[in-house]
């Protein structure tokens, strides 16, 4: 049995929420300081949020495409 569209969406959102949290903290305390950049937490969260939206859309489209390929071949 394959995932429904809703199940795919929930999985992607939960996975990306974890990645968002890790990215904000890694960016704020490791990555930005390594490049001598010191954005505010609000700027960091804003830029991370923009990339997170792109990631959710990309992951959902990729998952649905491969699900379509799988169901087409059976």
PDB file of N, CA and C in Angstrom:
ATOM      1  N   UNK A   1       0.841  -1.166   0.000  1.00  0.00           N
ATOM      2  CA  UNK A   1       0.000   0.000   0.000  1.00  0.00           C
ATOM      3  C   UNK A   1       0.897   1.243   0.000  1.00  0.00           C
ATOM      4  N   UNK A   2       0.482   2.269  -0.702  1.00  0.00           N
ATOM      5  CA  UNK A   2       1.269   3.494  -0.783  1.00  0.00           C
ATOM      6  C   UNK A   2       0.706   4.546   0.177  1.00  0.00           C
ATOM      7  N   UNK A   3       1.501   5.555   0.434  1.00  0.00           N
ATOM      8  CA  UNK A   3       1.068   6.648   1.289  1.00  0.00           C
ATOM      9  C   UNK A   3       0.022   7.491   0.578  1.00  0.00           C
ATOM     10  N   UNK A   4      -0.880   8.033   1.370  1.00  0.00           N
ATOM     11  CA  UNK A   4      -1.811   9.010   0.811  1.00  0.00           C
ATOM     12  C   UNK A   4      -1.080  10.345   0.680  1.00  0.00           C
ATOM     13  N   UNK A   5      -1.658  11.259  -0.040  1.00  0.00           N
ATOM     14  CA  UNK A   5      -1.062  12.603  -0.163  1.00  0.00           C
ATOM     15  C   UNK A   5      -0.950  13.268   1.198  1.00  0.00           C
ATOM     16  N   UNK A   6      -1.970  13.096   2.031  1.00  0.00           N
ATOM     17  CA  UNK A   6      -1.955  13.688   3.362  1.00  0.00           C
ATOM     18  C   UNK A   6      -0.813  13.105   4.197  1.00  0.00           C
ATOM     19  N   UNK A   7      -0.660  11.778   4.184  1.00  0.00           N
ATOM     20  CA  UNK A   7       0.414  11.146   4.942  1.00  0.00           C
ATOM     21  C   UNK A   7       1.785  11.624   4.457  1.00  0.00           C
ATOM     22  N   UNK A   8       1.950  11.760   3.155  1.00  0.00           N
ATOM     23  CA  UNK A   8       3.203  12.281   2.606  1.00  0.00           C
ATOM     24  C   UNK A   8       3.461  13.689   3.115  1.00  0.00           C
ATOM     25  N   UNK A   9       2.439  14.505   3.122  1.00  0.00           N
ATOM     26  CA  UNK A   9       2.581  15.880   3.592  1.00  0.00           C
ATOM     27  C   UNK A   9       2.954  15.958   5.058  1.00  0.00           C
ATOM     28  N   UNK A  10       2.297  15.147   5.889  1.00  0.00           N
ATOM     29  CA  UNK A  10       2.595  15.140   7.326  1.00  0.00           C
ATOM     30  C   UNK A  10       4.029  14.693   7.571  1.00  0.00           C
ATOM     31  N   UNK A  11       4.465  13.649   6.901  1.00  0.00           N
ATOM     32  CA  UNK A  11       5.830  13.157   7.072  1.00  0.00           C
ATOM     33  C   UNK A  11       6.854  14.224   6.701  1.00  0.00           C
ATOM     34  N   UNK A  12       6.632  14.880   5.580  1.00  0.00           N
ATOM     35  CA  UNK A  12       7.565  15.905   5.115  1.00  0.00           C
ATOM     36  C   UNK A  12       7.591  17.091   6.082  1.00  0.00           C
ATOM     37  N   UNK A  13       6.436  17.524   6.556  1.00  0.00           N
ATOM     38  CA  UNK A  13       6.379  18.669   7.471  1.00  0.00           C
ATOM     39  C   UNK A  13       7.089  18.339   8.785  1.00  0.00           C
ATOM     40  N   UNK A  14       6.846  17.165   9.353  1.00  0.00           N
ATOM     41  CA  UNK A  14       7.500  16.796  10.606  1.00  0.00           C
ATOM     42  C   UNK A  14       9.011  16.671  10.437  1.00  0.00           C
ATOM     43  N   UNK A  15       9.432  16.044   9.371  1.00  0.00           N
ATOM     44  CA  UNK A  15      10.853  15.907   9.104  1.00  0.00           C
ATOM     45  C   UNK A  15      11.511  17.269   8.922  1.00  0.00           C
ATOM     46  N   UNK A  16      10.847  18.142   8.198  1.00  0.00           N
ATOM     47  CA  UNK A  16      11.412  19.455   7.929  1.00  0.00           C
ATOM     48  C   UNK A  16      11.385  20.334   9.176  1.00  0.00           C
ATOM     49  N   UNK A  17      10.417  20.152  10.057  1.00  0.00           N
ATOM     50  CA  UNK A  17      10.380  20.914  11.308  1.00  0.00           C
ATOM     51  C   UNK A  17      11.612  20.595  12.156  1.00  0.00           C
ATOM     52  N   UNK A  18      11.985  19.342  12.198  1.00  0.00           N
ATOM     53  CA  UNK A  18      13.196  18.957  12.922  1.00  0.00           C
ATOM     54  C   UNK A  18      14.418  19.570  12.251  1.00  0.00           C
ATOM     55  N   UNK A  19      14.480  19.499  10.944  1.00  0.00           N
ATOM     56  CA  UNK A  19      15.604  20.082  10.210  1.00  0.00           C
ATOM     57  C   UNK A  19      15.657  21.597  10.424  1.00  0.00           C
ATOM     58  N   UNK A  20      14.508  22.264  10.478  1.00  0.00           N
ATOM     59  CA  UNK A  20      14.456  23.706  10.721  1.00  0.00           C
ATOM     60  C   UNK A  20      15.097  24.047  12.060  1.00  0.00           C
ATOM     61  N   UNK A  21      14.691  23.332  13.091  1.00  0.00           N
ATOM     62  CA  UNK A  21      15.223  23.582  14.426  1.00  0.00           C
ATOM     63  C   UNK A  21      16.733  23.374  14.470  1.00  0.00           C
ATOM     64  N   UNK A  22      17.186  22.280  13.905  1.00  0.00           N
ATOM     65  CA  UNK A  22      18.629  22.014  13.878  1.00  0.00           C
ATOM     66  C   UNK A  22      19.371  23.064  13.070  1.00  0.00           C
ATOM     67  N   UNK A  23      18.798  23.494  11.964  1.00  0.00           N
ATOM     68  CA  UNK A  23      19.443  24.498  11.114  1.00  0.00           C
ATOM     69  C   UNK A  23      19.565  25.849  11.804  1.00  0.00           C
ATOM     70  N   UNK A  24      18.519  26.253  12.505  1.00  0.00           N
ATOM     71  CA  UNK A  24      18.569  27.540  13.208  1.00  0.00           C
ATOM     72  C   UNK A  24      19.698  27.530  14.237  1.00  0.00           C
ATOM     73  N   UNK A  25      19.744  26.491  15.057  1.00  0.00           N
ATOM     74  CA  UNK A  25      20.762  26.450  16.107  1.00  0.00           C
ATOM     75  C   UNK A  25      22.166  26.226  15.552  1.00  0.00           C
ATOM     76  N   UNK A  26      22.293  25.364  14.561  1.00  0.00           N
ATOM     77  CA  UNK A  26      23.614  25.151  13.946  1.00  0.00           C
ATOM     78  C   UNK A  26      24.085  26.425  13.260  1.00  0.00           C
ATOM     79  N   UNK A  27      23.182  27.116  12.586  1.00  0.00           N
ATOM     80  CA  UNK A  27      23.542  28.363  11.923  1.00  0.00           C
ATOM     81  C   UNK A  27      23.954  29.424  12.917  1.00  0.00           C
ATOM     82  N   UNK A  28      23.157  29.588  13.951  1.00  0.00           N
ATOM     83  CA  UNK A  28      23.391  30.657  14.917  1.00  0.00           C
ATOM     84  C   UNK A  28      24.678  30.458  15.715  1.00  0.00           C
ATOM     85  N   UNK A  29      24.960  29.223  16.083  1.00  0.00           N
ATOM     86  CA  UNK A  29      26.059  28.993  17.016  1.00  0.00           C
ATOM     87  C   UNK A  29      27.302  28.344  16.402  1.00  0.00           C
ATOM     88  N   UNK A  30      27.204  27.827  15.170  1.00  0.00           N
ATOM     89  CA  UNK A  30      28.364  27.168  14.564  1.00  0.00           C
ATOM     90  C   UNK A  30      28.706  27.764  13.199  1.00  0.00           C
ATOM     91  N   UNK A  31      27.757  27.722  12.278  1.00  0.00           N
ATOM     92  CA  UNK A  31      28.049  28.066  10.881  1.00  0.00           C
ATOM     93  C   UNK A  31      28.309  29.556  10.692  1.00  0.00           C
ATOM     94  N   UNK A  32      27.383  30.416  11.114  1.00  0.00           N
ATOM     95  CA  UNK A  32      27.585  31.855  10.927  1.00  0.00           C
ATOM     96  C   UNK A  32      28.843  32.362  11.633  1.00  0.00           C
ATOM     97  N   UNK A  33      29.072  31.990  12.881  1.00  0.00           N
ATOM     98  CA  UNK A  33      30.303  32.456  13.529  1.00  0.00           C
ATOM     99  C   UNK A  33      31.577  31.976  12.813  1.00  0.00           C
ATOM    100  N   UNK A  34      31.528  30.799  12.210  1.00  0.00           N
ATOM    101  CA  UNK A  34      32.702  30.292  11.482  1.00  0.00           C
ATOM    102  C   UNK A  34      33.034  31.174  10.288  1.00  0.00           C
ATOM    103  N   UNK A  35      32.038  31.867   9.744  1.00  0.00           N
ATOM    104  CA  UNK A  35      32.247  32.781   8.618  1.00  0.00           C
ATOM    105  C   UNK A  35      32.273  34.241   9.074  1.00  0.00           C
ATOM    106  N   UNK A  36      32.435  34.425  10.375  1.00  0.00           N
ATOM    107  CA  UNK A  36      32.482  35.759  10.984  1.00  0.00           C
ATOM    108  C   UNK A  36      31.229  36.582  10.659  1.00  0.00           C
ATOM    109  N   UNK A  37      30.087  35.899  10.644  1.00  0.00           N
ATOM    110  CA  UNK A  37      28.796  36.556  10.436  1.00  0.00           C
ATOM    111  C   UNK A  37      28.013  36.439  11.741  1.00  0.00           C
ATOM    112  N   UNK A  38      27.295  37.487  12.103  1.00  0.00           N
ATOM    113  CA  UNK A  38      26.572  37.484  13.370  1.00  0.00           C
ATOM    114  C   UNK A  38      25.162  38.048  13.195  1.00  0.00           C
ATOM    115  N   UNK A  39      24.309  37.336  12.433  1.00  0.00           N
ATOM    116  CA  UNK A  39      22.930  37.816  12.260  1.00  0.00           C
ATOM    117  C   UNK A  39      22.151  37.644  13.565  1.00  0.00           C
ATOM    118  N   UNK A  40      21.100  38.427  13.705  1.00  0.00           N
ATOM    119  CA  UNK A  40      20.227  38.254  14.866  1.00  0.00           C
ATOM    120  C   UNK A  40      19.486  36.924  14.720  1.00  0.00           C
ATOM    121  N   UNK A  41      18.964  36.459  15.825  1.00  0.00           N
ATOM    122  CA  UNK A  41      18.191  35.212  15.785  1.00  0.00           C
ATOM    123  C   UNK A  41      16.985  35.376  14.864  1.00  0.00           C
ATOM    124  N   UNK A  42      16.371  36.565  14.847  1.00  0.00           N
ATOM    125  CA  UNK A  42      15.204  36.807  13.981  1.00  0.00           C
ATOM    126  C   UNK A  42      15.591  36.705  12.507  1.00  0.00           C
ATOM    127  N   UNK A  43      16.721  37.274  12.127  1.00  0.00           N
ATOM    128  CA  UNK A  43      17.181  37.190  10.733  1.00  0.00           C
ATOM    129  C   UNK A  43      17.502  35.738  10.386  1.00  0.00           C
ATOM    130  N   UNK A  44      18.168  35.044  11.283  1.00  0.00           N
ATOM    131  CA  UNK A  44      18.499  33.641  11.076  1.00  0.00           C
ATOM    132  C   UNK A  44      17.226  32.809  10.879  1.00  0.00           C
ATOM    133  N   UNK A  45      16.250  33.013  11.748  1.00  0.00           N
ATOM    134  CA  UNK A  45      15.005  32.247  11.638  1.00  0.00           C
ATOM    135  C   UNK A  45      14.240  32.602  10.370  1.00  0.00           C
ATOM    136  N   UNK A  46      14.272  33.862   9.972  1.00  0.00           N
ATOM    137  CA  UNK A  46      13.582  34.275   8.748  1.00  0.00           C
ATOM    138  C   UNK A  46      14.179  33.630   7.509  1.00  0.00           C
ATOM    139  N   UNK A  47      15.494  33.654   7.403  1.00  0.00           N
ATOM    140  CA  UNK A  47      16.125  33.044   6.229  1.00  0.00           C
ATOM    141  C   UNK A  47      15.963  31.532   6.255  1.00  0.00           C
ATOM    142  N   UNK A  48      16.064  30.941   7.433  1.00  0.00           N
ATOM    143  CA  UNK A  48      15.866  29.493   7.543  1.00  0.00           C
ATOM    144  C   UNK A  48      14.427  29.120   7.195  1.00  0.00           C
ATOM    145  N   UNK A  49      13.462  29.938   7.595  1.00  0.00           N
ATOM    146  CA  UNK A  49      12.054  29.676   7.267  1.00  0.00           C
ATOM    147  C   UNK A  49      11.825  29.696   5.760  1.00  0.00           C
ATOM    148  N   UNK A  50      12.447  30.641   5.064  1.00  0.00           N
ATOM    149  CA  UNK A  50      12.289  30.708   3.607  1.00  0.00           C
ATOM    150  C   UNK A  50      12.817  29.436   2.953  1.00  0.00           C
ATOM    151  N   UNK A  51      14.001  28.992   3.368  1.00  0.00           N
ATOM    152  CA  UNK A  51      14.551  27.760   2.807  1.00  0.00           C
ATOM    153  C   UNK A  51      13.739  26.538   3.228  1.00  0.00           C
ATOM    154  N   UNK A  52      13.130  26.592   4.397  1.00  0.00           N
ATOM    155  CA  UNK A  52      12.307  25.479   4.859  1.00  0.00           C
ATOM    156  C   UNK A  52      11.070  25.305   3.989  1.00  0.00           C
ATOM    157  N   UNK A  53      10.429  26.391   3.620  1.00  0.00           N
ATOM    158  CA  UNK A  53       9.257  26.320   2.738  1.00  0.00           C
ATOM    159  C   UNK A  53       9.654  25.694   1.403  1.00  0.00           C
ATOM    160  N   UNK A  54      10.774  26.126   0.861  1.00  0.00           N
ATOM    161  CA  UNK A  54      11.267  25.552  -0.395  1.00  0.00           C
ATOM    162  C   UNK A  54      11.519  24.058  -0.213  1.00  0.00           C
ATOM    163  N   UNK A  55      12.099  23.673   0.912  1.00  0.00           N
ATOM    164  CA  UNK A  55      12.392  22.266   1.179  1.00  0.00           C
ATOM    165  C   UNK A  55      11.127  21.422   1.285  1.00  0.00           C
ATOM    166  N   UNK A  56      10.104  21.939   1.943  1.00  0.00           N
ATOM    167  CA  UNK A  56       8.842  21.194   2.076  1.00  0.00           C
ATOM    168  C   UNK A  56       8.229  20.943   0.701  1.00  0.00           C
ATOM    169  N   UNK A  57       8.176  21.964  -0.113  1.00  0.00           N
ATOM    170  CA  UNK A  57       7.596  21.831  -1.456  1.00  0.00           C
ATOM    171  C   UNK A  57       8.408  20.845  -2.290  1.00  0.00           C
ATOM    172  N   UNK A  58       9.733  20.983  -2.250  1.00  0.00           N
ATOM    173  CA  UNK A  58      10.606  20.091  -3.017  1.00  0.00           C
ATOM    174  C   UNK A  58      10.436  18.635  -2.578  1.00  0.00           C
ATOM    175  N   UNK A  59      10.433  18.397  -1.277  1.00  0.00           N
ATOM    176  CA  UNK A  59      10.289  17.034  -0.760  1.00  0.00           C
ATOM    177  C   UNK A  59       8.943  16.425  -1.121  1.00  0.00           C
ATOM    178  N   UNK A  60       7.891  17.208  -0.994  1.00  0.00           N
ATOM    179  CA  UNK A  60       6.548  16.719  -1.306  1.00  0.00           C
ATOM    180  C   UNK A  60       6.435  16.359  -2.784  1.00  0.00           C
ATOM    181  N   UNK A  61       6.920  17.221  -3.659  1.00  0.00           N
ATOM    182  CA  UNK A  61       6.843  16.960  -5.103  1.00  0.00           C
ATOM    183  C   UNK A  61       7.674  15.731  -5.469  1.00  0.00           C
ATOM    184  N   UNK A  62       8.861  15.624  -4.893  1.00  0.00           N
ATOM    185  CA  UNK A  62       9.713  14.463  -5.177  1.00  0.00           C
ATOM    186  C   UNK A  62       9.041  13.172  -4.723  1.00  0.00           C
ATOM    187  N   UNK A  63       8.499  13.190  -3.506  1.00  0.00           N
ATOM    188  CA  UNK A  63       7.835  11.990  -2.971  1.00  0.00           C
ATOM    189  C   UNK A  63       6.635  11.594  -3.819  1.00  0.00           C
ATOM    190  N   UNK A  64       5.822  12.565  -4.210  1.00  0.00           N
ATOM    191  CA  UNK A  64       4.647  12.254  -5.012  1.00  0.00           C
ATOM    192  C   UNK A  64       5.036  11.740  -6.398  1.00  0.00           C
ATOM    193  N   UNK A  65       6.120  12.284  -6.971  1.00  0.00           N
ATOM    194  CA  UNK A  65       6.592  11.823  -8.268  1.00  0.00           C
ATOM    195  C   UNK A  65       7.005  10.354  -8.191  1.00  0.00           C
ATOM    196  N   UNK A  66       7.789   9.988  -7.185  1.00  0.00           N
ATOM    197  CA  UNK A  66       8.224   8.603  -7.066  1.00  0.00           C
ATOM    198  C   UNK A  66       7.065   7.683  -6.702  1.00  0.00           C
ATOM    199  N   UNK A  67       6.106   8.165  -5.939  1.00  0.00           N
ATOM    200  CA  UNK A  67       4.919   7.384  -5.653  1.00  0.00           C
ATOM    201  C   UNK A  67       4.140   7.144  -6.934  1.00  0.00           C
ATOM    202  N   UNK A  68       4.029   8.163  -7.767  1.00  0.00           N
ATOM    203  CA  UNK A  68       3.345   8.027  -9.062  1.00  0.00           C
ATOM    204  C   UNK A  68       4.067   7.007  -9.947  1.00  0.00           C
ATOM    205  N   UNK A  69       5.403   7.064  -9.976  1.00  0.00           N
ATOM    206  CA  UNK A  69       6.163   6.086 -10.758  1.00  0.00           C
ATOM    207  C   UNK A  69       5.903   4.675 -10.271  1.00  0.00           C
ATOM    208  N   UNK A  70       5.885   4.503  -8.953  1.00  0.00           N
ATOM    209  CA  UNK A  70       5.673   3.173  -8.372  1.00  0.00           C
ATOM    210  C   UNK A  70       4.287   2.629  -8.716  1.00  0.00           C
ATOM    211  N   UNK A  71       3.269   3.453  -8.574  1.00  0.00           N
ATOM    212  CA  UNK A  71       1.912   2.966  -8.827  1.00  0.00           C
ATOM    213  C   UNK A  71       1.656   2.787 -10.320  1.00  0.00           C
ATOM    214  N   UNK A  72       2.366   3.498 -11.154  1.00  0.00           N
ATOM    215  CA  UNK A  72       2.224   3.377 -12.601  1.00  0.00           C
ATOM    216  C   UNK A  72       2.790   2.050 -13.101  1.00  0.00           C
ATOM    217  N   UNK A  73       3.813   1.545 -12.448  1.00  0.00           N
ATOM    218  CA  UNK A  73       4.492   0.325 -12.889  1.00  0.00           C
ATOM    219  C   UNK A  73       3.795  -0.946 -12.388  1.00  0.00           C
ATOM    220  N   UNK A  74       2.880  -0.816 -11.443  1.00  0.00           N
ATOM    221  CA  UNK A  74       2.230  -2.023 -10.916  1.00  0.00           C
ATOM    222  C   UNK A  74       0.938  -2.305 -11.607  1.00  0.00           C
TER     223      UNK A  74
END
